[in-house]
C-alpha atoms as a PDB file:
ATOM      1  CA  MET A   1       9.479 -11.130  10.707  1.00  0.00           C
ATOM      2  CA  GLY A   2       8.855 -14.792   9.876  1.00  0.00           C
ATOM      3  CA  VAL A   3       6.483 -14.493   6.925  1.00  0.00           C
ATOM      4  CA  ARG A   4       5.036 -17.686   5.538  1.00  0.00           C
ATOM      5  CA  GLN A   5       1.787 -16.465   3.953  1.00  0.00           C
ATOM      6  CA  VAL A   6       0.810 -12.996   2.716  1.00  0.00           C
ATOM      7  CA  GLY A   7      -2.815 -12.202   2.025  1.00  0.00           C
ATOM      8  CA  VAL A   8      -3.720  -9.861  -0.819  1.00  0.00           C
ATOM      9  CA  LEU A   9      -7.125  -8.186  -0.631  1.00  0.00           C
ATOM     10  CA  ALA A  10      -8.815  -9.397  -3.831  1.00  0.00           C
ATOM     11  CA  LEU A  11     -12.127  -7.551  -3.915  1.00  0.00           C
ATOM     12  CA  GLN A  12     -11.254  -5.215  -6.789  1.00  0.00           C
ATOM     13  CA  GLY A  13      -8.147  -3.618  -8.252  1.00  0.00           C
ATOM     14  CA  ASP A  14      -4.676  -4.822  -9.189  1.00  0.00           C
ATOM     15  CA  PHE A  15      -4.326  -7.679  -6.702  1.00  0.00           C
ATOM     16  CA  ALA A  16      -3.014 -10.175  -9.282  1.00  0.00           C
ATOM     17  CA  LEU A  17       0.173  -8.134  -9.826  1.00  0.00           C
ATOM     18  CA  HIS A  18       0.896  -8.188  -6.076  1.00  0.00           C
ATOM     19  CA  VAL A  19       0.419 -11.960  -5.982  1.00  0.00           C
ATOM     20  CA  ARG A  20       2.870 -12.313  -8.894  1.00  0.00           C
ATOM     21  CA  LEU A  21       5.462  -9.992  -7.294  1.00  0.00           C
ATOM     22  CA  LEU A  22       5.250 -11.821  -3.957  1.00  0.00           C
ATOM     23  CA  ALA A  23       5.683 -15.171  -5.734  1.00  0.00           C
ATOM     24  CA  ALA A  24       8.809 -13.803  -7.461  1.00  0.00           C
ATOM     25  CA  LEU A  25      10.153 -13.007  -3.980  1.00  0.00           C
ATOM     26  CA  GLY A  26       9.494 -16.622  -2.940  1.00  0.00           C
ATOM     27  CA  VAL A  27       6.586 -15.659  -0.658  1.00  0.00           C
ATOM     28  CA  ALA A  28       3.324 -17.610  -0.672  1.00  0.00           C
ATOM     29  CA  ALA A  29       0.390 -15.313  -1.396  1.00  0.00           C
ATOM     30  CA  THR A  30      -3.303 -15.965  -1.014  1.00  0.00           C
ATOM     31  CA  LYS A  31      -6.247 -13.925  -2.244  1.00  0.00           C
ATOM     32  CA  VAL A  32      -8.424 -12.575   0.573  1.00  0.00           C
ATOM     33  CA  ARG A  33     -12.099 -11.946  -0.131  1.00  0.00           C
ATOM     34  CA  ARG A  34     -13.667 -12.997   3.186  1.00  0.00           C
ATOM     35  CA  VAL A  35     -12.812 -12.495   6.850  1.00  0.00           C
ATOM     36  CA  GLN A  36     -12.006 -16.165   7.429  1.00  0.00           C
ATOM     37  CA  GLU A  37      -9.358 -16.038   4.664  1.00  0.00           C
ATOM     38  CA  LEU A  38      -7.238 -13.750   6.888  1.00  0.00           C
ATOM     39  CA  ALA A  39      -6.623 -16.740   9.181  1.00  0.00           C
ATOM     40  CA  GLY A  40      -3.157 -18.103   8.561  1.00  0.00           C
ATOM     41  CA  CYS A  41      -1.896 -14.886   6.960  1.00  0.00           C
ATOM     42  CA  ASP A  42       1.204 -13.280   8.436  1.00  0.00           C
ATOM     43  CA  ALA A  43       0.753 -10.029   6.509  1.00  0.00           C
ATOM     44  CA  LEU A  44      -1.760  -8.326   4.214  1.00  0.00           C
ATOM     45  CA  VAL A  45      -1.547  -6.148   1.097  1.00  0.00           C
ATOM     46  CA  LEU A  46      -4.315  -3.645   0.300  1.00  0.00           C
ATOM     47  CA  PRO A  47      -3.846  -3.076  -3.449  1.00  0.00           C
ATOM     48  CA  GLY A  48      -4.623  -0.196  -5.727  1.00  0.00           C
ATOM     49  CA  GLY A  49      -8.039   0.056  -7.289  1.00  0.00           C
ATOM     50  CA  GLU A  50     -10.994   2.334  -6.732  1.00  0.00           C
ATOM     51  CA  SER A  51     -11.058   3.371  -3.062  1.00  0.00           C
ATOM     52  CA  THR A  52     -14.819   4.014  -2.878  1.00  0.00           C
ATOM     53  CA  THR A  53     -15.622   0.591  -4.310  1.00  0.00           C
ATOM     54  CA  LEU A  54     -13.016  -1.186  -2.178  1.00  0.00           C
ATOM     55  CA  ARG A  55     -14.304   0.452   1.008  1.00  0.00           C
ATOM     56  CA  LYS A  56     -17.926  -0.466   0.273  1.00  0.00           C
ATOM     57  CA  LEU A  57     -17.024  -4.068  -0.488  1.00  0.00           C
ATOM     58  CA  MET A  58     -14.925  -4.305   2.692  1.00  0.00           C
ATOM     59  CA  ALA A  59     -17.795  -2.988   4.819  1.00  0.00           C
ATOM     60  CA  ARG A  60     -20.320  -5.309   3.188  1.00  0.00           C
ATOM     61  CA  ASN A  61     -18.656  -8.457   4.562  1.00  0.00           C
ATOM     62  CA  GLY A  62     -16.979  -7.103   7.709  1.00  0.00           C
ATOM     63  CA  LEU A  63     -13.459  -7.078   6.283  1.00  0.00           C
ATOM     64  CA  ASP A  64     -12.995  -3.447   7.350  1.00  0.00           C
ATOM     65  CA  ARG A  65     -13.208  -4.274  11.058  1.00  0.00           C
ATOM     66  CA  ALA A  66     -11.281  -7.522  10.567  1.00  0.00           C
ATOM     67  CA  ILE A  67      -8.406  -5.675   8.855  1.00  0.00           C
ATOM     68  CA  VAL A  68      -8.184  -3.144  11.700  1.00  0.00           C
ATOM     69  CA  ASP A  69      -7.985  -6.042  14.181  1.00  0.00           C
ATOM     70  CA  PHE A  70      -5.480  -7.877  11.945  1.00  0.00           C
ATOM     71  CA  ALA A  71      -3.189  -4.814  11.743  1.00  0.00           C
ATOM     72  CA  ALA A  72      -2.842  -4.742  15.533  1.00  0.00           C
ATOM     73  CA  GLN A  73      -0.655  -7.860  15.305  1.00  0.00           C
ATOM     74  CA  HIS A  74       0.391  -8.203  11.655  1.00  0.00           C
ATOM     75  CA  ALA A  75       2.074  -6.254   8.874  1.00  0.00           C
ATOM     76  CA  VAL A  76      -0.154  -4.371   6.416  1.00  0.00           C
ATOM     77  CA  LEU A  77       0.919  -2.627   3.203  1.00  0.00           C
ATOM     78  CA  GLY A  78      -1.364  -0.360   1.182  1.00  0.00           C
ATOM     79  CA  THR A  79      -0.565   0.795  -2.347  1.00  0.00           C
ATOM     80  CA  CYS A  80      -2.401   3.713  -4.006  1.00  0.00           C
ATOM     81  CA  ALA A  81      -6.050   3.085  -3.029  1.00  0.00           C
ATOM     82  CA  GLY A  82      -4.686   0.975  -0.174  1.00  0.00           C
ATOM     83  CA  CYS A  83      -2.822   4.054   1.060  1.00  0.00           C
ATOM     84  CA  ILE A  84      -6.107   5.985   1.024  1.00  0.00           C
ATOM     85  CA  LEU A  85      -7.796   3.247   3.055  1.00  0.00           C
ATOM     86  CA  LEU A  86      -4.992   3.137   5.656  1.00  0.00           C
ATOM     87  CA  ALA A  87      -5.042   6.913   6.305  1.00  0.00           C
ATOM     88  CA  ARG A  88      -6.432   8.539   9.426  1.00  0.00           C
ATOM     89  CA  GLU A  89      -8.105  11.313   7.418  1.00  0.00           C
ATOM     90  CA  LEU A  90      -8.878  12.264   3.844  1.00  0.00           C
ATOM     91  CA  GLU A  91      -9.033  15.801   2.495  1.00  0.00           C
ATOM     92  CA  ASP A  92     -11.655  14.809  -0.056  1.00  0.00           C
ATOM     93  CA  ALA A  93     -13.313  11.732   1.421  1.00  0.00           C
ATOM     94  CA  GLY A  94     -16.115  11.538  -1.138  1.00  0.00           C
ATOM     95  CA  GLY A  95     -17.914   9.053   1.082  1.00  0.00           C
ATOM     96  CA  VAL A  96     -14.814   6.930   1.788  1.00  0.00           C
ATOM     97  CA  GLU A  97     -14.280   6.256   5.478  1.00  0.00           C
ATOM     98  CA  PRO A  98     -10.589   5.416   5.984  1.00  0.00           C
ATOM     99  CA  LEU A  99      -9.497   2.704   8.415  1.00  0.00           C
ATOM    100  CA  GLY A 100      -7.277   5.087  10.400  1.00  0.00           C
ATOM    101  CA  LEU A 101      -4.287   2.746  10.710  1.00  0.00           C
ATOM    102  CA  LEU A 102      -1.674   5.400   9.807  1.00  0.00           C
ATOM    103  CA  ASP A 103      -1.586   8.957  11.164  1.00  0.00           C
ATOM    104  CA  ILE A 104      -1.511  10.596   7.746  1.00  0.00           C
ATOM    105  CA  THR A 105      -3.815  12.834   5.727  1.00  0.00           C
ATOM    106  CA  VAL A 106      -4.320  11.925   2.081  1.00  0.00           C
ATOM    107  CA  ARG A 107      -5.817  13.705  -0.927  1.00  0.00           C
ATOM    108  CA  ARG A 108      -7.330  11.221  -3.371  1.00  0.00           C
ATOM    109  CA  ASN A 109      -6.138  11.592  -6.994  1.00  0.00           C
ATOM    110  CA  GLY A 110      -3.705  14.217  -5.704  1.00  0.00           C
ATOM    111  CA  PHE A 111      -1.320  13.677  -8.619  1.00  0.00           C
ATOM    112  CA  GLY A 112      -4.132  14.056 -11.154  1.00  0.00           C
ATOM    113  CA  ARG A 113      -6.484  11.980 -13.219  1.00  0.00           C
ATOM    114  CA  GLN A 114      -5.795   8.820 -15.234  1.00  0.00           C
ATOM    115  CA  VAL A 115      -4.295  10.834 -18.124  1.00  0.00           C
ATOM    116  CA  ASP A 116      -1.797  12.365 -15.677  1.00  0.00           C
ATOM    117  CA  SER A 117      -0.315   8.955 -14.763  1.00  0.00           C
ATOM    118  CA  PHE A 118       3.482   8.665 -14.922  1.00  0.00           C
ATOM    119  CA  GLU A 119       6.496   6.611 -13.894  1.00  0.00           C
ATOM    120  CA  ALA A 120       9.230   7.989 -11.648  1.00  0.00           C
ATOM    121  CA  VAL A 121      12.080   6.917  -9.392  1.00  0.00           C
ATOM    122  CA  VAL A 122      11.217   7.312  -5.711  1.00  0.00           C
ATOM    123  CA  GLN A 123      14.097   8.333  -3.477  1.00  0.00           C
ATOM    124  CA  SER A 124      14.572   6.380  -0.261  1.00  0.00           C
ATOM    125  CA  PRO A 125      17.595   6.317   2.054  1.00  0.00           C
ATOM    126  CA  GLU A 126      16.947   2.586   2.320  1.00  0.00           C
ATOM    127  CA  PHE A 127      17.482   2.025  -1.414  1.00  0.00           C
ATOM    128  CA  GLU A 128      20.513   4.109  -2.320  1.00  0.00           C
ATOM    129  CA  PRO A 129      21.537   3.180  -5.866  1.00  0.00           C
ATOM    130  CA  ASP A 130      24.767   1.288  -6.338  1.00  0.00           C
ATOM    131  CA  SER A 131      27.387   3.192  -8.271  1.00  0.00           C
ATOM    132  CA  GLY A 132      26.669   2.865 -11.948  1.00  0.00           C
ATOM    133  CA  HIS A 133      23.152   1.490 -11.407  1.00  0.00           C
ATOM    134  CA  THR A 134      19.874   3.317 -11.638  1.00  0.00           C
ATOM    135  CA  SER A 135      16.928   2.677  -9.367  1.00  0.00           C
ATOM    136  CA  PRO A 136      13.830   1.153 -10.935  1.00  0.00           C
ATOM    137  CA  SER A 137      10.860   3.395 -11.533  1.00  0.00           C
ATOM    138  CA  VAL A 138       7.376   2.901 -10.103  1.00  0.00           C
ATOM    139  CA  ALA A 139       3.964   3.843 -11.514  1.00  0.00           C
ATOM    140  CA  PHE A 140       1.808   6.707 -10.258  1.00  0.00           C
ATOM    141  CA  ILE A 141      -1.708   5.996 -11.564  1.00  0.00           C
ATOM    142  CA  ARG A 142      -4.392   8.416 -10.318  1.00  0.00           C
ATOM    143  CA  ALA A 143      -2.120   8.487  -7.301  1.00  0.00           C
ATOM    144  CA  PRO A 144      -3.087  10.022  -3.963  1.00  0.00           C
ATOM    145  CA  ARG A 145      -0.941  12.657  -2.244  1.00  0.00           C
ATOM    146  CA  ILE A 146       0.138  12.454   1.389  1.00  0.00           C
ATOM    147  CA  THR A 147      -0.461  15.988   2.647  1.00  0.00           C
ATOM    148  CA  ARG A 148       0.293  15.447   6.344  1.00  0.00           C
ATOM    149  CA  VAL A 149       2.535  12.984   8.166  1.00  0.00           C
ATOM    150  CA  GLY A 150       1.733  12.570  11.871  1.00  0.00           C
ATOM    151  CA  ASP A 151       3.945  11.823  14.836  1.00  0.00           C
ATOM    152  CA  GLY A 152       5.467   8.377  14.816  1.00  0.00           C
ATOM    153  CA  VAL A 153       5.100   7.992  11.045  1.00  0.00           C
ATOM    154  CA  THR A 154       8.372   7.775   9.109  1.00  0.00           C
ATOM    155  CA  VAL A 155       8.775   9.011   5.556  1.00  0.00           C
ATOM    156  CA  TRP A 156      10.085   5.928   3.761  1.00  0.00           C
ATOM    157  CA  GLY A 157      10.294   7.398   0.263  1.00  0.00           C
ATOM    158  CA  ALA A 158       9.932  10.779  -1.434  1.00  0.00           C
ATOM    159  CA  LEU A 159       9.418  12.238  -4.883  1.00  0.00           C
ATOM    160  CA  ASP A 160      10.857  15.721  -5.343  1.00  0.00           C
ATOM    161  CA  GLY A 161      10.973  16.080  -1.549  1.00  0.00           C
ATOM    162  CA  GLU A 162       7.310  15.098  -1.102  1.00  0.00           C
ATOM    163  CA  PRO A 163       6.425  11.978   0.941  1.00  0.00           C
ATOM    164  CA  VAL A 164       5.059   9.169  -1.240  1.00  0.00           C
ATOM    165  CA  ALA A 165       5.928   6.187   1.000  1.00  0.00           C
ATOM    166  CA  VAL A 166       5.421   6.101   4.770  1.00  0.00           C
ATOM    167  CA  ARG A 167       5.520   3.533   7.536  1.00  0.00           C
ATOM    168  CA  CYS A 168       4.755   3.218  11.203  1.00  0.00           C
ATOM    169  CA  GLY A 169       5.849  -0.054  12.733  1.00  0.00           C
ATOM    170  CA  SER A 170       4.706  -2.832  10.406  1.00  0.00           C
ATOM    171  CA  VAL A 171       2.010  -0.741   8.677  1.00  0.00           C
ATOM    172  CA  ALA A 172       3.187   0.949   5.483  1.00  0.00           C
ATOM    173  CA  ALA A 173       1.601   2.917   2.660  1.00  0.00           C
ATOM    174  CA  LEU A 174       2.763   3.754  -0.859  1.00  0.00           C
ATOM    175  CA  THR A 175       0.985   6.285  -3.076  1.00  0.00           C
ATOM    176  CA  PHE A 176       2.389   4.450  -6.107  1.00  0.00           C
ATOM    177  CA  HIS A 177       2.416   0.986  -7.677  1.00  0.00           C
ATOM    178  CA  PRO A 178       5.751  -0.872  -7.474  1.00  0.00           C
ATOM    179  CA  GLU A 179       3.996  -4.042  -8.639  1.00  0.00           C
ATOM    180  CA  VAL A 180       3.130  -2.487 -12.019  1.00  0.00           C
ATOM    181  CA  THR A 181       6.788  -1.951 -12.922  1.00  0.00           C
ATOM    182  CA  GLY A 182       7.936  -5.080 -11.062  1.00  0.00           C
ATOM    183  CA  ASP A 183      10.052  -3.257  -8.449  1.00  0.00           C
ATOM    184  CA  PRO A 184      10.319  -5.787  -5.563  1.00  0.00           C
ATOM    185  CA  ARG A 185      12.313  -3.580  -3.143  1.00  0.00           C
ATOM    186  CA  TRP A 186       9.305  -2.099  -1.339  1.00  0.00           C
ATOM    187  CA  HIS A 187       7.601  -5.445  -0.658  1.00  0.00           C
ATOM    188  CA  ARG A 188      10.929  -7.054   0.291  1.00  0.00           C
ATOM    189  CA  SER A 189      11.759  -4.315   2.790  1.00  0.00           C
ATOM    190  CA  TRP A 190       8.235  -4.209   4.259  1.00  0.00           C
ATOM    191  CA  LEU A 191       8.361  -7.959   4.860  1.00  0.00           C
ATOM    192  CA  GLY A 192      11.887  -7.787   6.263  1.00  0.00           C
ATOM    193  CA  LEU A 193      13.245 -10.196   3.643  1.00  0.00           C
END
């Protein structure tokens, strides 16, 4: 994929860390707050944050429909709350209407509350550790759980045998935050760098 510009949804949440991680990979990143700011983007990151708030803000200015249209032709990555927004269905929607871009079912805060946050190494056949090296950890902060993976969706990463990273074509979702610990592998792979 020839990626020149990656948009990062900047309505609420940890968007600044994604911008910094993309810059470290040598990728130009732009903050997206309005529909017209999607123009010129080759890919889009939906960051972590509060899924109810993000969804309301997206609907308020039409970004929800624009992102669905954008995903038909471009790569989209959702982390944590972004994973919730990309799902087809939620076990505990709490008023959040997901975008339905990935055939997965998600339980919000499935790994617990804020005090239950932790760091762990996610296993992925794509990122086998080199001999003598350990894989970097990622942060699970009020992380959702993927409770169902539909047809055509590939498990990209697992924690204790449970899917925590999935992808279907160029749309991918992570229940964790690689940007918090500075692990660039997930963004690099998603962008095909």
